[in-house]
Structures are given as C-alpha cells and as structure tokens.
Amino acid sequence: MLKDADPEYFSGIYIVCGYTDLRYGIDSLAAILERKFHAKLFVPNTLFLFCGRSASKIKGLLWEGDGFLLLYKRVESGHFSWPRNSNDLRSMTAEQFHWLMQGFAIDPIIHDITPDHSS
C-alpha cells in the first residue's frame, strides 16, 4: 500500500529521523510526536513515518479525521535508507516519499562545496 500510495493524497508527510522503538503502538507514537516534536497530530491525512533499528521495518501513523490508522511495513529483502543522524521531525516531498519507498536515500549524496583553493 505505501509503495503505491499517491503522495498527493496526504496533506503532509513527515519522517521521524533516528531510531524509534517499533513495539510502540498508536498512543505511544502519538505521544512522541506531541511531546518531543510538538507536532499537530489531528490534521486529516497527515502521515508520520517511524523506523526502528532494523531498517527493514517501518511504521506509519495516519490521522484520517475520525481516528488513527497504524501502518506497518516489513520488506523481505533490502532495507529503507533512513536518516539516522538526528532525532528531528522532517517534512518530506512527494519525490522523497517515492525514493524512500523504493529503497533510495531521501537526502542527496553529492553535496555542493566551495574549495579553499584550486589544485
């Protein structure tokens, strides 16, 4: 479902960087978003994505206007390329969402630099 989901359906897509204990259910994940990130949870069709230490599993929390939908995805081969360097809540573009669902990194690997001097 997530792989084929139309990102235009979601009013916002957010990724929780770093590690999250995937044993948590709806209430615990919602509490993390409220207390740690001060996120607005009750915006219809807003998707929040979490990843545990094993990058082969993710959970999604989606507010549908009348309740939460908890999504769980485990890939059998490969893993998700998840930003692990911080505990931030980041907004994702539709393009980044597609990249993530296909196993690609959501951050560019090649970075612009300004050299101090030429060779």
PDB file of N, CA and C in Angstrom:
ATOM      1  N   MET A   1       0.818  -1.192   0.000  1.00  0.00           N
ATOM      2  CA  MET A   1       0.000   0.000   0.000  1.00  0.00           C
ATOM      3  C   MET A   1       0.861   1.256   0.000  1.00  0.00           C
ATOM      4  N   LEU A   2       1.826   1.352   0.920  1.00  0.00           N
ATOM      5  CA  LEU A   2       2.644   2.562   0.990  1.00  0.00           C
ATOM      6  C   LEU A   2       3.461   2.769  -0.278  1.00  0.00           C
ATOM      7  N   LYS A   3       3.945   1.689  -0.846  1.00  0.00           N
ATOM      8  CA  LYS A   3       4.763   1.790  -2.054  1.00  0.00           C
ATOM      9  C   LYS A   3       3.979   2.412  -3.208  1.00  0.00           C
ATOM     10  N   ASP A   4       2.696   2.085  -3.287  1.00  0.00           N
ATOM     11  CA  ASP A   4       1.853   2.568  -4.372  1.00  0.00           C
ATOM     12  C   ASP A   4       0.984   3.755  -3.981  1.00  0.00           C
ATOM     13  N   ALA A   5       1.150   4.258  -2.767  1.00  0.00           N
ATOM     14  CA  ALA A   5       0.315   5.363  -2.293  1.00  0.00           C
ATOM     15  C   ALA A   5       0.610   6.627  -3.091  1.00  0.00           C
ATOM     16  N   ASP A   6      -0.440   7.379  -3.358  1.00  0.00           N
ATOM     17  CA  ASP A   6      -0.294   8.656  -4.048  1.00  0.00           C
ATOM     18  C   ASP A   6       0.038   9.727  -3.008  1.00  0.00           C
ATOM     19  N   PRO A   7       1.241  10.287  -3.057  1.00  0.00           N
ATOM     20  CA  PRO A   7       1.619  11.290  -2.057  1.00  0.00           C
ATOM     21  C   PRO A   7       0.711  12.519  -2.068  1.00  0.00           C
ATOM     22  N   GLU A   8       0.015  12.749  -3.170  1.00  0.00           N
ATOM     23  CA  GLU A   8      -0.898  13.895  -3.243  1.00  0.00           C
ATOM     24  C   GLU A   8      -2.107  13.694  -2.321  1.00  0.00           C
ATOM     25  N   TYR A   9      -2.400  12.452  -1.948  1.00  0.00           N
ATOM     26  CA  TYR A   9      -3.489  12.163  -1.016  1.00  0.00           C
ATOM     27  C   TYR A   9      -3.192  12.724   0.368  1.00  0.00           C
ATOM     28  N   PHE A  10      -1.923  12.717   0.741  1.00  0.00           N
ATOM     29  CA  PHE A  10      -1.517  13.155   2.076  1.00  0.00           C
ATOM     30  C   PHE A  10      -1.383  14.671   2.115  1.00  0.00           C
ATOM     31  N   SER A  11      -1.921  15.279   3.161  1.00  0.00           N
ATOM     32  CA  SER A  11      -1.762  16.727   3.324  1.00  0.00           C
ATOM     33  C   SER A  11      -0.358  17.056   3.809  1.00  0.00           C
ATOM     34  N   GLY A  12       0.316  16.086   4.397  1.00  0.00           N
ATOM     35  CA  GLY A  12       1.699  16.243   4.824  1.00  0.00           C
ATOM     36  C   GLY A  12       2.309  14.884   5.088  1.00  0.00           C
ATOM     37  N   ILE A  13       3.593  14.748   4.790  1.00  0.00           N
ATOM     38  CA  ILE A  13       4.324  13.514   5.065  1.00  0.00           C
ATOM     39  C   ILE A  13       5.544  13.898   5.882  1.00  0.00           C
ATOM     40  N   TYR A  14       5.678  13.273   7.048  1.00  0.00           N
ATOM     41  CA  TYR A  14       6.776  13.596   7.950  1.00  0.00           C
ATOM     42  C   TYR A  14       7.529  12.321   8.308  1.00  0.00           C
ATOM     43  N   ILE A  15       8.825  12.457   8.454  1.00  0.00           N
ATOM     44  CA  ILE A  15       9.676  11.338   8.828  1.00  0.00           C
ATOM     45  C   ILE A  15      10.349  11.666  10.153  1.00  0.00           C
ATOM     46  N   VAL A  16      10.281  10.726  11.082  1.00  0.00           N
ATOM     47  CA  VAL A  16      10.965  10.866  12.369  1.00  0.00           C
ATOM     48  C   VAL A  16      12.347  10.250  12.197  1.00  0.00           C
ATOM     49  N   CYS A  17      13.367  11.098  12.146  1.00  0.00           N
ATOM     50  CA  CYS A  17      14.740  10.630  11.921  1.00  0.00           C
ATOM     51  C   CYS A  17      15.256   9.907  13.163  1.00  0.00           C
ATOM     52  N   GLY A  18      16.273   9.116  12.988  1.00  0.00           N
ATOM     53  CA  GLY A  18      16.840   8.361  14.102  1.00  0.00           C
ATOM     54  C   GLY A  18      16.080   7.061  14.305  1.00  0.00           C
ATOM     55  N   TYR A  19      16.144   6.548  15.510  1.00  0.00           N
ATOM     56  CA  TYR A  19      15.527   5.259  15.847  1.00  0.00           C
ATOM     57  C   TYR A  19      14.269   5.455  16.672  1.00  0.00           C
ATOM     58  N   THR A  20      13.266   4.619  16.424  1.00  0.00           N
ATOM     59  CA  THR A  20      12.047   4.578  17.227  1.00  0.00           C
ATOM     60  C   THR A  20      11.788   3.120  17.580  1.00  0.00           C
ATOM     61  N   ASP A  21      11.376   2.878  18.810  1.00  0.00           N
ATOM     62  CA  ASP A  21      11.029   1.525  19.239  1.00  0.00           C
ATOM     63  C   ASP A  21       9.716   1.135  18.554  1.00  0.00           C
ATOM     64  N   LEU A  22       9.781   0.194  17.639  1.00  0.00           N
ATOM     65  CA  LEU A  22       8.594  -0.182  16.875  1.00  0.00           C
ATOM     66  C   LEU A  22       7.635  -1.086  17.643  1.00  0.00           C
ATOM     67  N   ARG A  23       7.947  -1.377  18.892  1.00  0.00           N
ATOM     68  CA  ARG A  23       6.970  -2.074  19.732  1.00  0.00           C
ATOM     69  C   ARG A  23       5.875  -1.116  20.165  1.00  0.00           C
ATOM     70  N   TYR A  24       6.115   0.185  20.021  1.00  0.00           N
ATOM     71  CA  TYR A  24       5.117   1.192  20.395  1.00  0.00           C
ATOM     72  C   TYR A  24       3.907   1.104  19.482  1.00  0.00           C
ATOM     73  N   GLY A  25       2.759   1.386  20.071  1.00  0.00           N
ATOM     74  CA  GLY A  25       1.507   1.419  19.329  1.00  0.00           C
ATOM     75  C   GLY A  25       1.086   2.852  19.045  1.00  0.00           C
ATOM     76  N   ILE A  26      -0.173   3.002  18.685  1.00  0.00           N
ATOM     77  CA  ILE A  26      -0.705   4.304  18.295  1.00  0.00           C
ATOM     78  C   ILE A  26      -0.499   5.355  19.379  1.00  0.00           C
ATOM     79  N   ASP A  27      -0.885   5.051  20.607  1.00  0.00           N
ATOM     80  CA  ASP A  27      -0.825   6.056  21.671  1.00  0.00           C
ATOM     81  C   ASP A  27       0.605   6.495  21.971  1.00  0.00           C
ATOM     82  N   SER A  28       1.535   5.567  22.009  1.00  0.00           N
ATOM     83  CA  SER A  28       2.929   5.909  22.303  1.00  0.00           C
ATOM     84  C   SER A  28       3.565   6.703  21.170  1.00  0.00           C
ATOM     85  N   LEU A  29       3.291   6.315  19.930  1.00  0.00           N
ATOM     86  CA  LEU A  29       3.835   7.054  18.796  1.00  0.00           C
ATOM     87  C   LEU A  29       3.250   8.467  18.737  1.00  0.00           C
ATOM     88  N   ALA A  30       1.950   8.588  19.009  1.00  0.00           N
ATOM     89  CA  ALA A  30       1.320   9.910  19.033  1.00  0.00           C
ATOM     90  C   ALA A  30       1.906  10.771  20.154  1.00  0.00           C
ATOM     91  N   ALA A  31       2.192  10.153  21.301  1.00  0.00           N
ATOM     92  CA  ALA A  31       2.786  10.892  22.416  1.00  0.00           C
ATOM     93  C   ALA A  31       4.183  11.403  22.059  1.00  0.00           C
ATOM     94  N   ILE A  32       4.963  10.601  21.349  1.00  0.00           N
ATOM     95  CA  ILE A  32       6.292  11.048  20.901  1.00  0.00           C
ATOM     96  C   ILE A  32       6.146  12.283  20.018  1.00  0.00           C
ATOM     97  N   LEU A  33       5.218  12.234  19.093  1.00  0.00           N
ATOM     98  CA  LEU A  33       5.024  13.361  18.178  1.00  0.00           C
ATOM     99  C   LEU A  33       4.566  14.614  18.906  1.00  0.00           C
ATOM    100  N   GLU A  34       3.679  14.460  19.879  1.00  0.00           N
ATOM    101  CA  GLU A  34       3.170  15.615  20.622  1.00  0.00           C
ATOM    102  C   GLU A  34       4.193  16.186  21.588  1.00  0.00           C
ATOM    103  N   ARG A  35       4.797  15.329  22.378  1.00  0.00           N
ATOM    104  CA  ARG A  35       5.679  15.804  23.458  1.00  0.00           C
ATOM    105  C   ARG A  35       7.064  16.205  22.963  1.00  0.00           C
ATOM    106  N   LYS A  36       7.646  15.393  22.108  1.00  0.00           N
ATOM    107  CA  LYS A  36       9.014  15.647  21.673  1.00  0.00           C
ATOM    108  C   LYS A  36       9.093  16.668  20.538  1.00  0.00           C
ATOM    109  N   PHE A  37       8.142  16.592  19.595  1.00  0.00           N
ATOM    110  CA  PHE A  37       8.216  17.428  18.401  1.00  0.00           C
ATOM    111  C   PHE A  37       7.130  18.499  18.339  1.00  0.00           C
ATOM    112  N   HIS A  38       6.183  18.489  19.281  1.00  0.00           N
ATOM    113  CA  HIS A  38       5.080  19.455  19.314  1.00  0.00           C
ATOM    114  C   HIS A  38       4.343  19.492  17.964  1.00  0.00           C
ATOM    115  N   ALA A  39       4.158  18.317  17.383  1.00  0.00           N
ATOM    116  CA  ALA A  39       3.508  18.189  16.074  1.00  0.00           C
ATOM    117  C   ALA A  39       1.992  18.279  16.225  1.00  0.00           C
ATOM    118  N   LYS A  40       1.352  18.806  15.194  1.00  0.00           N
ATOM    119  CA  LYS A  40      -0.107  18.841  15.139  1.00  0.00           C
ATOM    120  C   LYS A  40      -0.569  17.507  14.572  1.00  0.00           C
ATOM    121  N   LEU A  41      -1.134  16.675  15.422  1.00  0.00           N
ATOM    122  CA  LEU A  41      -1.493  15.314  15.031  1.00  0.00           C
ATOM    123  C   LEU A  41      -2.802  15.208  14.273  1.00  0.00           C
ATOM    124  N   PHE A  42      -3.715  16.100  14.543  1.00  0.00           N
ATOM    125  CA  PHE A  42      -5.082  15.905  14.086  1.00  0.00           C
ATOM    126  C   PHE A  42      -5.398  16.684  12.815  1.00  0.00           C
ATOM    127  N   VAL A  43      -4.452  16.697  11.900  1.00  0.00           N
ATOM    128  CA  VAL A  43      -4.668  17.255  10.571  1.00  0.00           C
ATOM    129  C   VAL A  43      -4.988  16.067   9.667  1.00  0.00           C
ATOM    130  N   PRO A  44      -6.194  16.043   9.081  1.00  0.00           N
ATOM    131  CA  PRO A  44      -6.584  14.884   8.279  1.00  0.00           C
ATOM    132  C   PRO A  44      -5.567  14.545   7.189  1.00  0.00           C
ATOM    133  N   ASN A  45      -5.336  13.233   7.037  1.00  0.00           N
ATOM    134  CA  ASN A  45      -4.461  12.668   6.011  1.00  0.00           C
ATOM    135  C   ASN A  45      -2.997  13.091   6.145  1.00  0.00           C
ATOM    136  N   THR A  46      -2.561  13.282   7.384  1.00  0.00           N
ATOM    137  CA  THR A  46      -1.159  13.568   7.650  1.00  0.00           C
ATOM    138  C   THR A  46      -0.477  12.264   8.053  1.00  0.00           C
ATOM    139  N   LEU A  47       0.597  11.919   7.355  1.00  0.00           N
ATOM    140  CA  LEU A  47       1.313  10.670   7.578  1.00  0.00           C
ATOM    141  C   LEU A  47       2.629  10.936   8.291  1.00  0.00           C
ATOM    142  N   PHE A  48       2.846  10.214   9.394  1.00  0.00           N
ATOM    143  CA  PHE A  48       4.108  10.262  10.128  1.00  0.00           C
ATOM    144  C   PHE A  48       4.756   8.888  10.012  1.00  0.00           C
ATOM    145  N   LEU A  49       6.028   8.853   9.632  1.00  0.00           N
ATOM    146  CA  LEU A  49       6.751   7.597   9.435  1.00  0.00           C
ATOM    147  C   LEU A  49       7.841   7.427  10.481  1.00  0.00           C
ATOM    148  N   PHE A  50       7.973   6.201  11.003  1.00  0.00           N
ATOM    149  CA  PHE A  50       8.945   5.840  12.030  1.00  0.00           C
ATOM    150  C   PHE A  50       9.729   4.619  11.569  1.00  0.00           C
ATOM    151  N   CYS A  51      10.979   4.504  12.024  1.00  0.00           N
ATOM    152  CA  CYS A  51      11.799   3.341  11.692  1.00  0.00           C
ATOM    153  C   CYS A  51      12.550   2.905  12.943  1.00  0.00           C
ATOM    154  N   GLY A  52      12.637   1.598  13.148  1.00  0.00           N
ATOM    155  CA  GLY A  52      13.385   1.060  14.281  1.00  0.00           C
ATOM    156  C   GLY A  52      14.849   0.845  13.914  1.00  0.00           C
ATOM    157  N   ARG A  53      15.547   0.107  14.754  1.00  0.00           N
ATOM    158  CA  ARG A  53      16.974  -0.167  14.493  1.00  0.00           C
ATOM    159  C   ARG A  53      17.154  -1.006  13.233  1.00  0.00           C
ATOM    160  N   SER A  54      16.219  -1.925  13.013  1.00  0.00           N
ATOM    161  CA  SER A  54      16.257  -2.714  11.785  1.00  0.00           C
ATOM    162  C   SER A  54      15.583  -1.888  10.692  1.00  0.00           C
ATOM    163  N   ALA A  55      16.343  -1.469   9.725  1.00  0.00           N
ATOM    164  CA  ALA A  55      15.804  -0.605   8.676  1.00  0.00           C
ATOM    165  C   ALA A  55      14.940  -1.371   7.675  1.00  0.00           C
ATOM    166  N   SER A  56      14.600  -2.606   7.992  1.00  0.00           N
ATOM    167  CA  SER A  56      13.716  -3.368   7.113  1.00  0.00           C
ATOM    168  C   SER A  56      12.250  -3.209   7.517  1.00  0.00           C
ATOM    169  N   LYS A  57      12.002  -2.469   8.598  1.00  0.00           N
ATOM    170  CA  LYS A  57      10.625  -2.298   9.086  1.00  0.00           C
ATOM    171  C   LYS A  57      10.363  -0.825   9.376  1.00  0.00           C
ATOM    172  N   ILE A  58       9.161  -0.376   8.986  1.00  0.00           N
ATOM    173  CA  ILE A  58       8.733   0.977   9.328  1.00  0.00           C
ATOM    174  C   ILE A  58       7.287   0.933   9.804  1.00  0.00           C
ATOM    175  N   LYS A  59       6.907   1.952  10.553  1.00  0.00           N
ATOM    176  CA  LYS A  59       5.519   2.145  10.947  1.00  0.00           C
ATOM    177  C   LYS A  59       5.083   3.526  10.494  1.00  0.00           C
ATOM    178  N   GLY A  60       3.825   3.614  10.151  1.00  0.00           N
ATOM    179  CA  GLY A  60       3.228   4.880   9.771  1.00  0.00           C
ATOM    180  C   GLY A  60       2.019   5.157  10.629  1.00  0.00           C
ATOM    181  N   LEU A  61       1.845   6.409  10.981  1.00  0.00           N
ATOM    182  CA  LEU A  61       0.687   6.841  11.766  1.00  0.00           C
ATOM    183  C   LEU A  61      -0.044   7.883  10.930  1.00  0.00           C
ATOM    184  N   LEU A  62      -1.308   7.601  10.618  1.00  0.00           N
ATOM    185  CA  LEU A  62      -2.088   8.442   9.726  1.00  0.00           C
ATOM    186  C   LEU A  62      -3.388   8.841  10.414  1.00  0.00           C
ATOM    187  N   TRP A  63      -3.626  10.146  10.539  1.00  0.00           N
ATOM    188  CA  TRP A  63      -4.887  10.642  11.089  1.00  0.00           C
ATOM    189  C   TRP A  63      -5.863  10.778   9.920  1.00  0.00           C
ATOM    190  N   GLU A  64      -7.010  10.079  10.002  1.00  0.00           N
ATOM    191  CA  GLU A  64      -7.980  10.086   8.911  1.00  0.00           C
ATOM    192  C   GLU A  64      -9.199  10.966   9.180  1.00  0.00           C
ATOM    193  N   GLY A  65      -9.130  11.764  10.220  1.00  0.00           N
ATOM    194  CA  GLY A  65     -10.248  12.652  10.537  1.00  0.00           C
ATOM    195  C   GLY A  65     -11.179  12.073  11.579  1.00  0.00           C
ATOM    196  N   ASP A  66     -11.270  10.752  11.651  1.00  0.00           N
ATOM    197  CA  ASP A  66     -12.123  10.121  12.657  1.00  0.00           C
ATOM    198  C   ASP A  66     -11.344   9.153  13.544  1.00  0.00           C
ATOM    199  N   GLY A  67     -10.061   9.033  13.297  1.00  0.00           N
ATOM    200  CA  GLY A  67      -9.223   8.145  14.087  1.00  0.00           C
ATOM    201  C   GLY A  67      -7.891   7.914  13.398  1.00  0.00           C
ATOM    202  N   PHE A  68      -7.000   7.236  14.127  1.00  0.00           N
ATOM    203  CA  PHE A  68      -5.678   6.935  13.591  1.00  0.00           C
ATOM    204  C   PHE A  68      -5.674   5.599  12.869  1.00  0.00           C
ATOM    205  N   LEU A  69      -4.866   5.525  11.837  1.00  0.00           N
ATOM    206  CA  LEU A  69      -4.593   4.286  11.136  1.00  0.00           C
ATOM    207  C   LEU A  69      -3.114   3.993  11.366  1.00  0.00           C
ATOM    208  N   LEU A  70      -2.807   2.800  11.871  1.00  0.00           N
ATOM    209  CA  LEU A  70      -1.426   2.396  12.107  1.00  0.00           C
ATOM    210  C   LEU A  70      -0.998   1.472  10.978  1.00  0.00           C
ATOM    211  N   LEU A  71       0.038   1.875  10.261  1.00  0.00           N
ATOM    212  CA  LEU A  71       0.554   1.097   9.141  1.00  0.00           C
ATOM    213  C   LEU A  71       1.876   0.468   9.544  1.00  0.00           C
ATOM    214  N   TYR A  72       2.125  -0.737   9.068  1.00  0.00           N
ATOM    215  CA  TYR A  72       3.369  -1.439   9.367  1.00  0.00           C
ATOM    216  C   TYR A  72       3.847  -2.079   8.083  1.00  0.00           C
ATOM    217  N   LYS A  73       5.098  -1.832   7.737  1.00  0.00           N
ATOM    218  CA  LYS A  73       5.645  -2.426   6.521  1.00  0.00           C
ATOM    219  C   LYS A  73       6.988  -3.056   6.840  1.00  0.00           C
ATOM    220  N   ARG A  74       7.150  -4.291   6.385  1.00  0.00           N
ATOM    221  CA  ARG A  74       8.418  -5.006   6.506  1.00  0.00           C
ATOM    222  C   ARG A  74       8.808  -5.473   5.116  1.00  0.00           C
ATOM    223  N   VAL A  75      10.005  -5.101   4.691  1.00  0.00           N
ATOM    224  CA  VAL A  75      10.486  -5.577   3.398  1.00  0.00           C
ATOM    225  C   VAL A  75      11.255  -6.873   3.625  1.00  0.00           C
ATOM    226  N   GLU A  76      11.085  -7.818   2.731  1.00  0.00           N
ATOM    227  CA  GLU A  76      11.714  -9.129   2.866  1.00  0.00           C
ATOM    228  C   GLU A  76      13.170  -9.127   2.437  1.00  0.00           C
ATOM    229  N   SER A  77      13.503  -8.270   1.492  1.00  0.00           N
ATOM    230  CA  SER A  77      14.873  -8.209   1.001  1.00  0.00           C
ATOM    231  C   SER A  77      15.256  -6.738   0.871  1.00  0.00           C
ATOM    232  N   GLY A  78      16.355  -6.352   1.456  1.00  0.00           N
ATOM    233  CA  GLY A  78      16.790  -4.961   1.415  1.00  0.00           C
ATOM    234  C   GLY A  78      16.373  -4.216   2.668  1.00  0.00           C
ATOM    235  N   HIS A  79      16.463  -2.904   2.597  1.00  0.00           N
ATOM    236  CA  HIS A  79      16.113  -2.076   3.739  1.00  0.00           C
ATOM    237  C   HIS A  79      15.791  -0.657   3.280  1.00  0.00           C
ATOM    238  N   PHE A  80      15.184   0.104   4.162  1.00  0.00           N
ATOM    239  CA  PHE A  80      14.898   1.502   3.899  1.00  0.00           C
ATOM    240  C   PHE A  80      16.145   2.323   4.204  1.00  0.00           C
ATOM    241  N   SER A  81      16.384   3.334   3.408  1.00  0.00           N
ATOM    242  CA  SER A  81      17.510   4.234   3.642  1.00  0.00           C
ATOM    243  C   SER A  81      16.999   5.379   4.509  1.00  0.00           C
ATOM    244  N   TRP A  82      17.184   5.229   5.816  1.00  0.00           N
ATOM    245  CA  TRP A  82      16.579   6.125   6.805  1.00  0.00           C
ATOM    246  C   TRP A  82      17.611   7.092   7.365  1.00  0.00           C
ATOM    247  N   PRO A  83      17.279   8.382   7.471  1.00  0.00           N
ATOM    248  CA  PRO A  83      18.217   9.334   8.083  1.00  0.00           C
ATOM    249  C   PRO A  83      18.419   9.003   9.565  1.00  0.00           C
ATOM    250  N   ARG A  84      19.623   8.653   9.952  1.00  0.00           N
ATOM    251  CA  ARG A  84      19.895   8.213  11.314  1.00  0.00           C
ATOM    252  C   ARG A  84      20.662   9.234  12.142  1.00  0.00           C
ATOM    253  N   ASN A  85      21.068  10.336  11.538  1.00  0.00           N
ATOM    254  CA  ASN A  85      21.983  11.232  12.209  1.00  0.00           C
ATOM    255  C   ASN A  85      21.347  12.186  13.213  1.00  0.00           C
ATOM    256  N   SER A  86      20.031  12.195  13.348  1.00  0.00           N
ATOM    257  CA  SER A  86      19.421  13.126  14.288  1.00  0.00           C
ATOM    258  C   SER A  86      18.069  12.600  14.752  1.00  0.00           C
ATOM    259  N   ASN A  87      17.503  13.291  15.700  1.00  0.00           N
ATOM    260  CA  ASN A  87      16.164  12.954  16.191  1.00  0.00           C
ATOM    261  C   ASN A  87      15.184  14.051  15.785  1.00  0.00           C
ATOM    262  N   ASP A  88      15.232  14.442  14.525  1.00  0.00           N
ATOM    263  CA  ASP A  88      14.373  15.503  14.009  1.00  0.00           C
ATOM    264  C   ASP A  88      13.104  14.936  13.406  1.00  0.00           C
ATOM    265  N   LEU A  89      12.114  15.791  13.301  1.00  0.00           N
ATOM    266  CA  LEU A  89      10.901  15.502  12.545  1.00  0.00           C
ATOM    267  C   LEU A  89      11.013  16.337  11.276  1.00  0.00           C
ATOM    268  N   ARG A  90      11.090  15.663  10.134  1.00  0.00           N
ATOM    269  CA  ARG A  90      11.303  16.363   8.869  1.00  0.00           C
ATOM    270  C   ARG A  90      10.131  16.162   7.935  1.00  0.00           C
ATOM    271  N   SER A  91       9.793  17.219   7.233  1.00  0.00           N
ATOM    272  CA  SER A  91       8.766  17.146   6.206  1.00  0.00           C
ATOM    273  C   SER A  91       9.394  16.533   4.956  1.00  0.00           C
ATOM    274  N   MET A  92       8.598  15.757   4.237  1.00  0.00           N
ATOM    275  CA  MET A  92       9.083  15.113   3.014  1.00  0.00           C
ATOM    276  C   MET A  92       8.275  15.586   1.818  1.00  0.00           C
ATOM    277  N   THR A  93       8.943  15.677   0.681  1.00  0.00           N
ATOM    278  CA  THR A  93       8.247  15.962  -0.570  1.00  0.00           C
ATOM    279  C   THR A  93       7.702  14.654  -1.145  1.00  0.00           C
ATOM    280  N   ALA A  94       6.844  14.783  -2.137  1.00  0.00           N
ATOM    281  CA  ALA A  94       6.313  13.593  -2.807  1.00  0.00           C
ATOM    282  C   ALA A  94       7.442  12.791  -3.444  1.00  0.00           C
ATOM    283  N   GLU A  95       8.412  13.490  -4.003  1.00  0.00           N
ATOM    284  CA  GLU A  95       9.548  12.819  -4.635  1.00  0.00           C
ATOM    285  C   GLU A  95      10.375  12.053  -3.608  1.00  0.00           C
ATOM    286  N   GLN A  96      10.629  12.656  -2.457  1.00  0.00           N
ATOM    287  CA  GLN A  96      11.371  11.972  -1.389  1.00  0.00           C
ATOM    288  C   GLN A  96      10.615  10.752  -0.880  1.00  0.00           C
ATOM    289  N   PHE A  97       9.297  10.856  -0.781  1.00  0.00           N
ATOM    290  CA  PHE A  97       8.476   9.722  -0.351  1.00  0.00           C
ATOM    291  C   PHE A  97       8.638   8.553  -1.322  1.00  0.00           C
ATOM    292  N   HIS A  98       8.577   8.828  -2.618  1.00  0.00           N
ATOM    293  CA  HIS A  98       8.775   7.769  -3.612  1.00  0.00           C
ATOM    294  C   HIS A  98      10.165   7.164  -3.489  1.00  0.00           C
ATOM    295  N   TRP A  99      11.167   7.993  -3.306  1.00  0.00           N
ATOM    296  CA  TRP A  99      12.535   7.494  -3.144  1.00  0.00           C
ATOM    297  C   TRP A  99      12.621   6.549  -1.953  1.00  0.00           C
ATOM    298  N   LEU A 100      12.061   6.969  -0.824  1.00  0.00           N
ATOM    299  CA  LEU A 100      12.108   6.157   0.394  1.00  0.00           C
ATOM    300  C   LEU A 100      11.431   4.810   0.187  1.00  0.00           C
ATOM    301  N   MET A 101      10.263   4.809  -0.437  1.00  0.00           N
ATOM    302  CA  MET A 101       9.513   3.573  -0.648  1.00  0.00           C
ATOM    303  C   MET A 101      10.211   2.634  -1.636  1.00  0.00           C
ATOM    304  N   GLN A 102      11.122   3.181  -2.445  1.00  0.00           N
ATOM    305  CA  GLN A 102      11.863   2.361  -3.401  1.00  0.00           C
ATOM    306  C   GLN A 102      13.229   1.962  -2.866  1.00  0.00           C
ATOM    307  N   GLY A 103      13.571   2.385  -1.654  1.00  0.00           N
ATOM    308  CA  GLY A 103      14.829   1.998  -1.035  1.00  0.00           C
ATOM    309  C   GLY A 103      15.968   2.972  -1.240  1.00  0.00           C
ATOM    310  N   PHE A 104      15.683   4.134  -1.822  1.00  0.00           N
ATOM    311  CA  PHE A 104      16.720   5.129  -2.047  1.00  0.00           C
ATOM    312  C   PHE A 104      16.808   6.104  -0.875  1.00  0.00           C
ATOM    313  N   ALA A 105      17.944   6.798  -0.763  1.00  0.00           N
ATOM    314  CA  ALA A 105      18.123   7.816   0.268  1.00  0.00           C
ATOM    315  C   ALA A 105      17.283   9.042  -0.085  1.00  0.00           C
ATOM    316  N   ILE A 106      16.746   9.694   0.931  1.00  0.00           N
ATOM    317  CA  ILE A 106      15.940  10.895   0.684  1.00  0.00           C
ATOM    318  C   ILE A 106      16.795  12.150   0.663  1.00  0.00           C
ATOM    319  N   ASP A 107      18.035  12.048   1.105  1.00  0.00           N
ATOM    320  CA  ASP A 107      18.956  13.175   1.082  1.00  0.00           C
ATOM    321  C   ASP A 107      19.941  12.995  -0.067  1.00  0.00           C
ATOM    322  N   PRO A 108      20.311  14.091  -0.712  1.00  0.00           N
ATOM    323  CA  PRO A 108      21.301  13.953  -1.788  1.00  0.00           C
ATOM    324  C   PRO A 108      22.639  13.478  -1.239  1.00  0.00           C
ATOM    325  N   ILE A 109      23.302  12.644  -1.995  1.00  0.00           N
ATOM    326  CA  ILE A 109      24.592  12.105  -1.567  1.00  0.00           C
ATOM    327  C   ILE A 109      25.728  13.038  -1.979  1.00  0.00           C
ATOM    328  N   ILE A 110      25.574  13.702  -3.112  1.00  0.00           N
ATOM    329  CA  ILE A 110      26.582  14.641  -3.581  1.00  0.00           C
ATOM    330  C   ILE A 110      26.205  16.028  -3.059  1.00  0.00           C
ATOM    331  N   HIS A 111      27.147  16.669  -2.387  1.00  0.00           N
ATOM    332  CA  HIS A 111      26.900  17.977  -1.791  1.00  0.00           C
ATOM    333  C   HIS A 111      27.745  19.039  -2.474  1.00  0.00           C
ATOM    334  N   ASP A 112      27.202  20.248  -2.600  1.00  0.00           N
ATOM    335  CA  ASP A 112      27.963  21.374  -3.143  1.00  0.00           C
ATOM    336  C   ASP A 112      28.976  21.831  -2.111  1.00  0.00           C
ATOM    337  N   ILE A 113      30.174  22.136  -2.576  1.00  0.00           N
ATOM    338  CA  ILE A 113      31.214  22.665  -1.699  1.00  0.00           C
ATOM    339  C   ILE A 113      31.904  23.842  -2.381  1.00  0.00           C
ATOM    340  N   THR A 114      32.561  24.648  -1.609  1.00  0.00           N
ATOM    341  CA  THR A 114      33.360  25.749  -2.125  1.00  0.00           C
ATOM    342  C   THR A 114      34.801  25.472  -1.720  1.00  0.00           C
ATOM    343  N   PRO A 115      35.660  25.114  -2.682  1.00  0.00           N
ATOM    344  CA  PRO A 115      37.042  24.807  -2.347  1.00  0.00           C
ATOM    345  C   PRO A 115      37.775  26.053  -1.833  1.00  0.00           C
ATOM    346  N   ASP A 116      38.756  25.834  -0.970  1.00  0.00           N
ATOM    347  CA  ASP A 116      39.575  26.928  -0.452  1.00  0.00           C
ATOM    348  C   ASP A 116      40.542  27.425  -1.506  1.00  0.00           C
ATOM    349  N   HIS A 117      41.027  26.519  -2.331  1.00  0.00           N
ATOM    350  CA  HIS A 117      41.971  26.883  -3.382  1.00  0.00           C
ATOM    351  C   HIS A 117      41.935  25.815  -4.480  1.00  0.00           C
ATOM    352  N   SER A 118      42.458  26.159  -5.647  1.00  0.00           N
ATOM    353  CA  SER A 118      42.481  25.195  -6.744  1.00  0.00           C
ATOM    354  C   SER A 118      43.735  24.336  -6.640  1.00  0.00           C
ATOM    355  N   SER A 119      43.729  23.214  -7.301  1.00  0.00           N
ATOM    356  CA  SER A 119      44.860  22.285  -7.232  1.00  0.00           C
ATOM    357  C   SER A 119      46.092  22.804  -7.881  1.00  0.00           C
TER     358      SER A 119
END
